[in-house]
Amino acid sequence: MKKGMTALLAAACLTLASIPVGLTAGPEKAFACSKGETTTPEYDYSVSSHVLYGMVSKLENVYYKGQLYKMATLINDSQLKGSFTRTVLTAADSDQCGASLEVGRDYLLYANNRLGRPAVSVFDVFEGEEAARRIPALKNMDMVPEPEPGVHTVTLYPGSNVKLTLDGSAVPVTATPLFFKDSLYVPMTFFRDILGYVTVWNSDPNRFEILLRSEWAGIAAQGNPSQSEFKDSVSGIPVGSEPFEAAVSYSNVQVKVDGKLYAPEGQPFSYRDVVYVPLRDTSEKLGIKVNWDPATYTAQLKDGRPIDPLEHPALIMKLSSGREGERDIIIDRFENDKAIYHYDEEVPYGQTVTQWTAELSDVLKQTGGTEERSIRLFLSKGEREYELIITEGLRNALLTDSAVRKSISYTLGKDLYNWPEDGVIGMLHIRS
């Protein structure tokens, strides 16, 4: 059993599944892509960022990060985990593990944030009897019992081998992360010292609260230690992956983000005076997307906070090759159906960007009906960027229709567009 748990730890996605992955219900689907070992419903739930059940009302081709995907819009019957969402992405080709969804059919979807948006593969989708069998248990999985205040002896798993990244860059975390009850926990100070959020612990004889305020201060921003009673070091956590017994303290903690109370999927606890909170649940309440890479044992964090219309973000068009080290091109406008553009790079203080002019097809490096660079659209405010999903209709029109290019030219670098709901931009959002 000990050997089985150790192997499972290495494969878990921010979780420790309590049932070995070999004990699963239902046959594995046979496609050109390969899932590897089959999994249990409990494991599928624990590694997902969103679990929902509903009917597909629309299915369309879209482009995201320069790649073609299928996007399903759903009429949700049940949101069983994660924040409300009504769109999911899947690969356009079944050979890439794309799910074969159909309009008018009901599906149970276990989505994750590997793309920065809720996405599913063929192995994350269930329907019919299998979906009906899973749903009753799913409705109870997010019910977290509140432990009695006081000291409890529990089983923890060390996360000394866990790595964390923020927007692709490695970030330190102290004290050592811990696995507990199917989730990865990190010290509360992680959100202050690395993510720049103000973390405050308010306590009086009758109330304990964790307060998070989401003023974004950037990577490695330092909070004010005087605002927090949190400690950021702990001893006694063993190296490796073997479980150990620990005395942890519960104190009826409530968690508030920007003043709003939320019920975490795992209750915060204190271990040797360090306050631990569940990484995924707390991060996503702050708008930070979390994905787990089991191959490298890495929790990948990405700032995914939607930009509010009241912030008046600008619409930015980029052309990306996807090749490492190659700069993106930013389209400033179109004049006489030629692209006026500059390269996405830092400009020394006091200097202006160098602009270039060329046919869009030349900038895209179109040959034989294909492009070396892909069109991508972003909402931008200050240092923050939020990539939009582009409908196939808008993407094709930008490539072929000079009138559409002229229309979007009035909008680029400005906020003069119709607001894209669900982060999806199409022809209706570009003013003519």
Protein backbone atom coordinates (compact mmCIF):
# COMPACT_ATOMS: atom_id res chain seq x y z
CA MET A 1 0.00 0.00 0.00
CA LYS A 2 2.83 2.40 0.85
CA LYS A 3 4.41 1.81 -2.56
CA GLY A 4 1.07 2.42 -4.27
CA MET A 5 0.54 5.71 -2.46
CA THR A 6 4.03 6.89 -3.35
CA ALA A 7 3.45 6.19 -7.04
CA LEU A 8 0.11 7.92 -6.92
CA LEU A 9 1.64 11.03 -5.38
CA ALA A 10 3.98 11.35 -8.34
CA ALA A 11 1.08 11.28 -10.77
CA ALA A 12 -1.41 13.45 -8.89
CA CYS A 13 -2.52 16.79 -10.30
CA LEU A 14 -2.50 19.00 -7.21
CA THR A 15 -4.08 16.08 -5.41
CA LEU A 16 -3.65 12.81 -3.66
CA ALA A 17 -6.34 10.47 -4.86
CA SER A 18 -7.37 8.14 -2.09
CA ILE A 19 -8.10 5.31 -4.52
CA PRO A 20 -5.26 3.87 -6.64
CA VAL A 21 -5.64 4.76 -10.29
CA GLY A 22 -5.80 1.12 -11.29
CA LEU A 23 -9.17 0.67 -9.56
CA THR A 24 -11.50 2.33 -12.01
CA ALA A 25 -15.02 1.89 -13.27
CA GLY A 26 -15.72 1.80 -16.98
CA PRO A 27 -13.51 0.91 -19.97
CA GLU A 28 -10.92 3.27 -21.39
CA LYS A 29 -11.93 4.86 -24.69
CA ALA A 30 -9.86 3.82 -27.70
CA PHE A 31 -8.62 6.73 -29.82
CA ALA A 32 -5.44 7.58 -31.67
CA CYS A 33 -4.42 9.67 -28.66
CA SER A 34 -3.56 7.82 -25.48
CA LYS A 35 -4.66 8.50 -21.93
CA GLY A 36 -2.37 6.05 -20.20
CA GLU A 37 -3.70 4.61 -16.95
CA THR A 38 -7.45 4.77 -16.36
CA THR A 39 -8.67 6.83 -13.43
CA THR A 40 -11.44 6.96 -10.85
CA PRO A 41 -14.31 9.48 -10.64
CA GLU A 42 -12.75 10.83 -7.44
CA TYR A 43 -9.44 11.41 -9.20
CA ASP A 44 -11.13 13.06 -12.20
CA TYR A 45 -12.92 15.45 -9.87
CA SER A 46 -9.85 16.29 -7.83
CA VAL A 47 -7.66 17.28 -10.81
CA SER A 48 -10.36 19.35 -12.56
CA SER A 49 -10.76 23.11 -12.26
CA HIS A 50 -14.41 22.98 -13.42
CA VAL A 51 -16.98 20.19 -13.40
CA LEU A 52 -20.30 20.87 -15.08
CA TYR A 53 -23.27 19.07 -16.55
CA GLY A 54 -25.39 20.53 -19.31
CA MET A 55 -26.57 20.51 -22.91
CA VAL A 56 -24.45 21.76 -25.80
CA SER A 57 -26.41 24.59 -27.43
CA LYS A 58 -23.72 25.71 -29.88
CA LEU A 59 -20.54 24.26 -31.36
CA GLU A 60 -18.17 26.35 -33.46
CA ASN A 61 -14.60 26.65 -34.68
CA VAL A 62 -12.55 29.29 -32.86
CA TYR A 63 -8.93 30.38 -32.60
CA TYR A 64 -7.10 30.79 -29.32
CA LYS A 65 -3.37 31.38 -28.89
CA GLY A 66 -3.20 31.13 -32.66
CA GLN A 67 -4.51 27.56 -32.73
CA LEU A 68 -7.77 26.10 -34.05
CA TYR A 69 -10.16 24.68 -31.43
CA LYS A 70 -13.78 23.63 -31.13
CA MET A 71 -15.74 25.69 -28.62
CA ALA A 72 -18.90 24.33 -27.03
CA THR A 73 -21.44 26.68 -25.47
CA LEU A 74 -23.55 24.92 -22.86
CA ILE A 75 -26.83 25.44 -21.09
CA ASN A 76 -25.70 24.44 -17.61
CA ASP A 77 -27.90 22.16 -15.57
CA SER A 78 -25.37 21.79 -12.74
CA GLN A 79 -22.10 23.56 -11.92
CA LEU A 80 -20.47 20.92 -9.76
CA LYS A 81 -17.04 22.49 -9.24
CA GLY A 82 -15.34 25.78 -9.98
CA SER A 83 -16.68 29.18 -10.99
CA PHE A 84 -19.59 29.39 -13.41
CA THR A 85 -18.64 28.85 -17.02
CA ARG A 86 -20.70 28.17 -20.11
CA THR A 87 -17.97 27.64 -22.73
CA VAL A 88 -15.28 24.97 -22.98
CA LEU A 89 -12.57 24.37 -25.56
CA THR A 90 -11.44 21.08 -27.05
CA ALA A 91 -8.92 20.16 -29.74
CA ALA A 92 -10.36 20.32 -33.25
CA ASP A 93 -8.97 16.88 -34.17
CA SER A 94 -9.74 13.58 -32.43
CA ASP A 95 -6.14 12.53 -33.06
CA GLN A 96 -5.23 15.35 -30.66
CA CYS A 97 -7.71 14.00 -28.09
CA GLY A 98 -10.50 16.39 -29.09
CA ALA A 99 -13.91 15.51 -27.67
CA SER A 100 -16.66 14.64 -30.19
CA LEU A 101 -19.43 16.86 -28.83
CA GLU A 102 -22.80 17.30 -30.54
CA VAL A 103 -25.38 20.08 -30.30
CA GLY A 104 -28.49 19.07 -28.33
CA ARG A 105 -26.80 16.36 -26.26
CA ASP A 106 -26.14 16.40 -22.51
CA TYR A 107 -22.62 15.88 -21.18
CA LEU A 108 -20.76 15.71 -17.90
CA LEU A 109 -17.50 17.64 -18.40
CA TYR A 110 -14.36 17.59 -16.24
CA ALA A 111 -12.53 20.70 -17.49
CA ASN A 112 -9.08 21.97 -16.56
CA ASN A 113 -7.07 25.16 -17.07
CA ARG A 114 -4.20 23.81 -19.13
CA LEU A 115 -4.97 26.34 -21.89
CA GLY A 116 -5.73 29.19 -19.51
CA ARG A 117 -9.44 28.59 -20.28
CA PRO A 118 -11.69 25.66 -19.32
CA ALA A 119 -10.80 22.85 -21.74
CA VAL A 120 -11.60 19.15 -22.11
CA SER A 121 -10.21 16.16 -23.95
CA VAL A 122 -12.09 13.07 -25.08
CA PHE A 123 -11.24 11.44 -21.75
CA ASP A 124 -12.88 14.25 -19.73
CA VAL A 125 -16.39 13.86 -21.18
CA PHE A 126 -19.14 11.46 -20.06
CA GLU A 127 -22.77 11.04 -21.06
CA GLY A 128 -25.70 8.69 -20.64
CA GLU A 129 -25.58 6.07 -17.90
CA GLU A 130 -21.99 6.83 -16.93
CA ALA A 131 -22.80 10.52 -16.39
CA ALA A 132 -25.96 9.62 -14.46
CA ARG A 133 -23.93 7.28 -12.23
CA ARG A 134 -21.32 9.93 -11.42
CA ILE A 135 -23.50 13.00 -10.80
CA PRO A 136 -25.07 12.05 -7.40
CA ALA A 137 -21.64 11.54 -5.86
CA LEU A 138 -20.31 14.74 -7.46
CA LYS A 139 -22.99 16.83 -5.79
CA ASN A 140 -21.58 15.85 -2.40
CA MET A 141 -17.87 16.19 -3.17
CA ASP A 142 -17.70 19.94 -2.61
CA MET A 143 -19.35 19.71 0.81
CA VAL A 144 -16.46 20.34 3.17
CA PRO A 145 -17.12 19.38 6.80
CA GLU A 146 -15.98 22.03 9.24
CA PRO A 147 -13.64 20.50 11.79
CA GLU A 148 -14.20 21.30 15.42
CA PRO A 149 -11.89 24.07 16.65
CA GLY A 150 -8.77 22.80 18.33
CA VAL A 151 -5.89 20.47 17.62
CA HIS A 152 -6.40 17.47 15.33
CA THR A 153 -4.00 14.70 14.43
CA VAL A 154 -4.06 14.22 10.64
CA THR A 155 -2.03 12.57 7.92
CA LEU A 156 -0.02 14.96 5.74
CA TYR A 157 2.21 14.36 2.72
CA PRO A 158 5.27 16.56 2.19
CA GLY A 159 5.43 18.64 -0.98
CA SER A 160 9.17 19.23 -0.84
CA ASN A 161 9.54 18.17 -4.49
CA VAL A 162 6.76 20.43 -5.74
CA LYS A 163 7.74 23.34 -8.00
CA LEU A 164 5.62 26.42 -8.64
CA THR A 165 5.71 28.80 -11.59
CA LEU A 166 3.96 32.11 -12.21
CA ASP A 167 3.44 33.05 -15.87
CA GLY A 168 6.21 30.61 -16.80
CA SER A 169 8.82 31.78 -14.27
CA ALA A 170 9.80 29.69 -11.25
CA VAL A 171 8.81 31.16 -7.88
CA PRO A 172 9.92 30.08 -4.40
CA VAL A 173 7.51 28.95 -1.74
CA THR A 174 8.29 28.79 1.97
CA ALA A 175 7.41 27.01 4.11
CA THR A 176 7.23 23.64 2.35
CA PRO A 177 3.88 22.92 0.63
CA LEU A 178 1.81 20.03 1.96
CA PHE A 179 -0.69 17.59 0.49
CA PHE A 180 -3.76 17.09 2.64
CA LYS A 181 -7.12 15.50 1.81
CA ASP A 182 -6.72 15.48 -1.96
CA SER A 183 -5.34 19.02 -2.26
CA LEU A 184 -2.03 20.85 -2.32
CA TYR A 185 -1.76 23.42 0.47
CA VAL A 186 0.67 26.35 0.58
CA PRO A 187 1.52 28.85 3.32
CA MET A 188 -0.71 31.92 3.35
CA THR A 189 2.42 34.06 3.01
CA PHE A 190 2.81 32.77 -0.57
CA PHE A 191 -0.03 35.07 -1.66
CA ARG A 192 1.64 38.05 0.01
CA ASP A 193 5.31 37.60 -0.75
CA ILE A 194 5.12 36.18 -4.27
CA LEU A 195 1.77 37.26 -5.70
CA GLY A 196 1.73 40.65 -4.01
CA TYR A 197 -1.70 40.34 -2.40
CA VAL A 198 -2.29 41.96 0.94
CA THR A 199 -2.96 39.21 3.47
CA VAL A 200 -4.30 40.06 6.89
CA TRP A 201 -5.15 37.77 9.77
CA ASN A 202 -7.81 39.33 12.00
CA SER A 203 -8.40 37.62 15.29
CA ASP A 204 -10.36 38.23 18.44
CA PRO A 205 -11.78 35.77 20.98
CA ASN A 206 -14.76 34.94 18.77
CA ARG A 207 -13.61 35.28 15.17
CA PHE A 208 -10.66 34.31 12.98
CA GLU A 209 -10.50 35.64 9.43
CA ILE A 210 -8.13 35.62 6.49
CA LEU A 211 -8.57 38.71 4.36
CA LEU A 212 -7.20 38.98 0.82
CA ARG A 213 -7.29 42.20 -1.13
CA SER A 214 -6.55 41.82 -4.81
CA GLU A 215 -4.49 44.92 -5.49
CA TRP A 216 -2.08 43.43 -8.04
CA ALA A 217 1.53 44.27 -7.26
CA GLY A 218 3.29 41.94 -9.67
CA ILE A 219 5.68 39.04 -9.27
CA ALA A 220 7.93 39.12 -6.23
CA ALA A 221 6.12 42.17 -4.84
CA GLN A 222 6.57 42.41 -1.12
CA GLY A 223 3.62 42.94 1.17
CA ASN A 224 3.96 44.91 4.38
CA PRO A 225 4.91 42.39 7.10
CA SER A 226 3.39 44.67 9.73
CA GLN A 227 -0.02 44.01 8.18
CA SER A 228 0.18 40.30 8.78
CA GLU A 229 0.70 37.94 11.68
CA PHE A 230 1.51 35.07 9.31
CA LYS A 231 4.74 33.15 9.85
CA ASP A 232 6.61 31.87 6.82
CA SER A 233 8.91 29.14 8.12
CA VAL A 234 8.28 25.76 9.65
CA SER A 235 10.48 22.85 10.71
CA GLY A 236 9.77 19.18 11.00
CA ILE A 237 8.41 18.47 7.50
CA PRO A 238 10.23 15.39 6.16
CA VAL A 239 11.83 15.28 2.73
CA GLY A 240 10.35 12.84 0.21
CA SER A 241 6.79 11.66 -0.32
CA GLU A 242 6.09 9.41 2.66
CA PRO A 243 3.09 10.43 4.79
CA PHE A 244 3.54 11.62 8.35
CA GLU A 245 1.25 12.29 11.29
CA ALA A 246 0.93 15.92 12.34
CA ALA A 247 -0.97 17.95 14.93
CA VAL A 248 -2.77 20.75 13.10
CA SER A 249 -5.02 23.45 14.54
CA TYR A 250 -8.42 24.60 13.28
CA SER A 251 -9.98 27.82 14.51
CA ASN A 252 -13.22 28.37 12.60
CA VAL A 253 -11.34 30.34 9.95
CA GLN A 254 -13.35 32.38 7.47
CA VAL A 255 -11.79 33.52 4.21
CA LYS A 256 -12.74 36.77 2.51
CA VAL A 257 -11.58 38.03 -0.89
CA ASP A 258 -12.16 41.74 -1.41
CA GLY A 259 -14.60 41.63 1.48
CA LYS A 260 -16.66 38.73 0.13
CA LEU A 261 -16.85 35.55 2.19
CA TYR A 262 -16.27 32.26 0.40
CA ALA A 263 -16.34 28.68 1.57
CA PRO A 264 -13.05 27.00 0.57
CA GLU A 265 -13.08 23.41 -0.62
CA GLY A 266 -10.49 22.67 2.06
CA GLN A 267 -10.48 24.37 5.44
CA PRO A 268 -7.36 26.40 6.29
CA PHE A 269 -5.32 25.05 9.18
CA SER A 270 -2.21 25.94 11.16
CA TYR A 271 0.78 23.66 11.45
CA ARG A 272 3.58 24.77 13.75
CA ASP A 273 2.21 28.33 13.61
CA VAL A 274 2.16 28.50 9.80
CA VAL A 275 -1.29 29.03 8.24
CA TYR A 276 -1.90 26.72 5.25
CA VAL A 277 -4.61 27.22 2.61
CA PRO A 278 -5.53 25.14 -0.49
CA LEU A 279 -3.56 26.47 -3.47
CA ARG A 280 -6.01 25.92 -6.32
CA ASP A 281 -9.14 27.01 -4.51
CA THR A 282 -7.61 30.16 -3.02
CA SER A 283 -5.78 31.10 -6.23
CA GLU A 284 -8.83 30.79 -8.43
CA LYS A 285 -10.89 32.94 -6.06
CA LEU A 286 -8.28 35.62 -6.80
CA GLY A 287 -8.51 35.03 -10.56
CA ILE A 288 -5.24 33.08 -10.82
CA LYS A 289 -5.50 30.00 -13.03
CA VAL A 290 -3.79 26.85 -11.77
CA ASN A 291 -2.69 23.88 -13.85
CA TRP A 292 -0.69 20.84 -12.76
CA ASP A 293 2.08 19.24 -14.84
CA PRO A 294 2.53 15.73 -13.43
CA ALA A 295 5.63 15.09 -15.56
CA THR A 296 7.59 17.82 -13.76
CA TYR A 297 5.58 17.91 -10.52
CA THR A 298 4.87 21.58 -11.12
CA ALA A 299 1.92 23.78 -10.21
CA GLN A 300 1.66 26.34 -13.01
CA LEU A 301 0.00 29.63 -12.05
CA LYS A 302 -1.17 32.25 -14.52
CA ASP A 303 -2.83 35.58 -13.89
CA GLY A 304 -6.21 34.99 -15.51
CA ARG A 305 -8.29 37.74 -13.95
CA PRO A 306 -10.85 39.00 -16.45
CA ILE A 307 -10.47 42.70 -17.17
CA ASP A 308 -13.56 44.70 -16.23
CA PRO A 309 -15.26 46.92 -18.83
CA LEU A 310 -14.98 49.85 -16.42
CA GLU A 311 -11.19 49.60 -16.73
CA HIS A 312 -11.54 50.58 -20.43
CA PRO A 313 -8.88 48.21 -21.74
CA ALA A 314 -7.52 48.68 -25.25
CA LEU A 315 -7.89 46.09 -28.01
CA ILE A 316 -4.50 44.85 -29.24
CA MET A 317 -3.77 42.73 -32.34
CA LYS A 318 -0.63 40.61 -32.34
CA LEU A 319 0.89 38.33 -34.94
CA SER A 320 2.72 35.41 -33.32
CA SER A 321 4.88 32.70 -34.83
CA GLY A 322 4.93 30.50 -31.75
CA ARG A 323 8.66 30.00 -32.18
CA GLU A 324 10.73 30.52 -29.07
CA GLY A 325 12.70 33.75 -29.07
CA GLU A 326 10.85 35.30 -32.01
CA ARG A 327 9.22 38.62 -31.22
CA ASP A 328 5.51 39.19 -31.73
CA ILE A 329 4.36 41.87 -34.14
CA ILE A 330 1.79 44.42 -32.97
CA ILE A 331 -0.53 45.87 -35.60
CA ASP A 332 -1.09 49.58 -34.88
CA ARG A 333 -3.58 50.21 -37.69
CA PHE A 334 -4.34 49.62 -41.35
CA GLU A 335 -3.87 52.39 -43.93
CA ASN A 336 -4.75 51.90 -47.60
CA ASP A 337 -5.12 48.23 -46.68
CA LYS A 338 -1.50 48.02 -45.55
CA ALA A 339 -0.51 47.04 -42.02
CA ILE A 340 1.30 49.65 -39.93
CA TYR A 341 3.10 47.64 -37.26
CA HIS A 342 5.96 47.49 -34.77
CA TYR A 343 7.74 44.71 -32.91
CA ASP A 344 6.73 43.85 -29.35
CA GLU A 345 9.84 44.90 -27.45
CA GLU A 346 10.89 47.31 -24.75
CA VAL A 347 11.76 50.77 -25.97
CA PRO A 348 14.45 52.78 -24.13
CA TYR A 349 13.18 55.76 -22.19
CA GLY A 350 12.74 58.82 -24.41
CA GLN A 351 12.63 56.85 -27.66
CA THR A 352 9.67 55.91 -29.81
CA VAL A 353 8.88 52.62 -31.48
CA THR A 354 9.97 52.06 -35.06
CA GLN A 355 6.98 51.42 -37.30
CA TRP A 356 6.95 49.42 -40.49
CA THR A 357 4.49 49.15 -43.37
CA ALA A 358 3.66 46.04 -45.41
CA GLU A 359 0.84 43.97 -46.84
CA LEU A 360 -0.79 41.88 -44.13
CA SER A 361 -0.08 38.73 -46.13
CA ASP A 362 3.62 39.59 -46.13
CA VAL A 363 3.67 40.21 -42.38
CA LEU A 364 1.86 36.93 -41.81
CA LYS A 365 4.27 35.25 -44.24
CA GLN A 366 1.43 33.63 -46.15
CA THR A 367 2.44 30.86 -48.54
CA GLY A 368 0.11 28.41 -50.21
CA GLY A 369 -2.89 29.41 -48.09
CA THR A 370 -1.13 28.98 -44.74
CA GLU A 371 0.47 31.53 -42.44
CA GLU A 372 3.66 31.33 -40.43
CA ARG A 373 2.24 33.86 -37.99
CA SER A 374 -1.17 33.71 -36.34
CA ILE A 375 -3.58 36.54 -35.54
CA ARG A 376 -4.26 36.98 -31.83
CA LEU A 377 -6.39 39.59 -30.06
CA PHE A 378 -5.97 40.83 -26.50
CA LEU A 379 -7.56 43.21 -24.04
CA SER A 380 -4.75 45.26 -22.52
CA LYS A 381 -4.62 47.48 -19.47
CA GLY A 382 -1.24 48.58 -18.16
CA GLU A 383 0.94 45.50 -17.73
CA ARG A 384 -2.02 43.13 -17.87
CA GLU A 385 -3.19 41.33 -20.99
CA TYR A 386 -6.18 39.05 -21.41
CA GLU A 387 -6.26 36.97 -24.59
CA LEU A 388 -9.59 36.69 -26.39
CA ILE A 389 -11.01 33.72 -28.25
CA ILE A 390 -11.51 34.67 -31.91
CA THR A 391 -14.42 33.24 -33.88
CA GLU A 392 -13.53 31.58 -37.16
CA GLY A 393 -15.69 34.11 -39.00
CA LEU A 394 -13.75 37.11 -37.67
CA ARG A 395 -10.37 35.47 -38.16
CA ASN A 396 -11.12 34.60 -41.80
CA ALA A 397 -12.57 38.07 -42.47
CA LEU A 398 -9.41 39.72 -41.13
CA LEU A 399 -7.40 37.63 -43.57
CA THR A 400 -9.55 38.23 -46.64
CA ASP A 401 -11.78 41.31 -46.24
CA SER A 402 -10.20 44.78 -46.47
CA ALA A 403 -13.42 46.38 -45.13
CA VAL A 404 -13.16 44.37 -41.89
CA ARG A 405 -9.49 45.31 -41.53
CA LYS A 406 -10.44 48.98 -42.00
CA SER A 407 -13.19 48.62 -39.40
CA ILE A 408 -10.96 47.04 -36.75
CA SER A 409 -8.33 49.68 -37.46
CA TYR A 410 -10.60 52.29 -35.82
CA THR A 411 -10.54 50.18 -32.67
CA LEU A 412 -6.94 49.00 -32.29
CA GLY A 413 -5.24 50.61 -29.32
CA LYS A 414 -8.59 51.97 -28.11
CA ASP A 415 -11.63 50.72 -26.21
CA LEU A 416 -14.13 51.46 -29.01
CA TYR A 417 -15.51 47.95 -29.41
CA ASN A 418 -18.57 46.06 -28.26
CA TRP A 419 -17.66 44.19 -25.07
CA PRO A 420 -16.84 40.50 -25.79
CA GLU A 421 -18.90 38.37 -23.41
CA ASP A 422 -17.18 35.21 -22.13
CA GLY A 423 -13.94 36.49 -23.64
CA VAL A 424 -15.06 35.60 -27.18
CA ILE A 425 -14.74 38.21 -29.95
CA GLY A 426 -16.46 37.94 -33.32
CA MET A 427 -17.78 40.01 -36.20
CA LEU A 428 -20.53 41.56 -34.06
CA HIS A 429 -17.95 43.09 -31.73
CA ILE A 430 -16.10 45.05 -34.43
CA ARG A 431 -17.82 48.32 -35.23
CA SER A 432 -18.34 49.12 -38.87
